[in-house]
């Protein structure tokens, strides 16, 4: 949870990924939910429905034209060997999801799942 996460050291926080924001029954304040990493989180192994996930997150020509800069920037982050770029893209995807920016979330998750087809968090998000 967010309270536990904020008590972690910066080094440990940097390894965790935000996965959702929820409001528990009886509360009005949203709580961020984080996931601590495990070895198989970013697996390159395909999930059984990988092709379906890629197809579900694909975009059309109008979206390609409207979001050309965003797609180019996101692709450069995916192609980078820099883990900070990958984390930045993941955070952008989660922000788009939480802010209900569905087209942006779809673009980010499509590129992500093509690079890391076994990422269990993004598979669940899709």
Foldseek 3Di string as FASTA:
>chain_A
DQVVLVPDDPVQNVQKDWQDWDADPPGDDIDTDIDHDDDCQQAQDADPCLVVLLVVLDDDPVLCVVCVVVLVQLLVLLPDPDVVSVNVLSVQLRVCLHVVVVNSVSSSLNSSCVSRVRNVSSVVVD
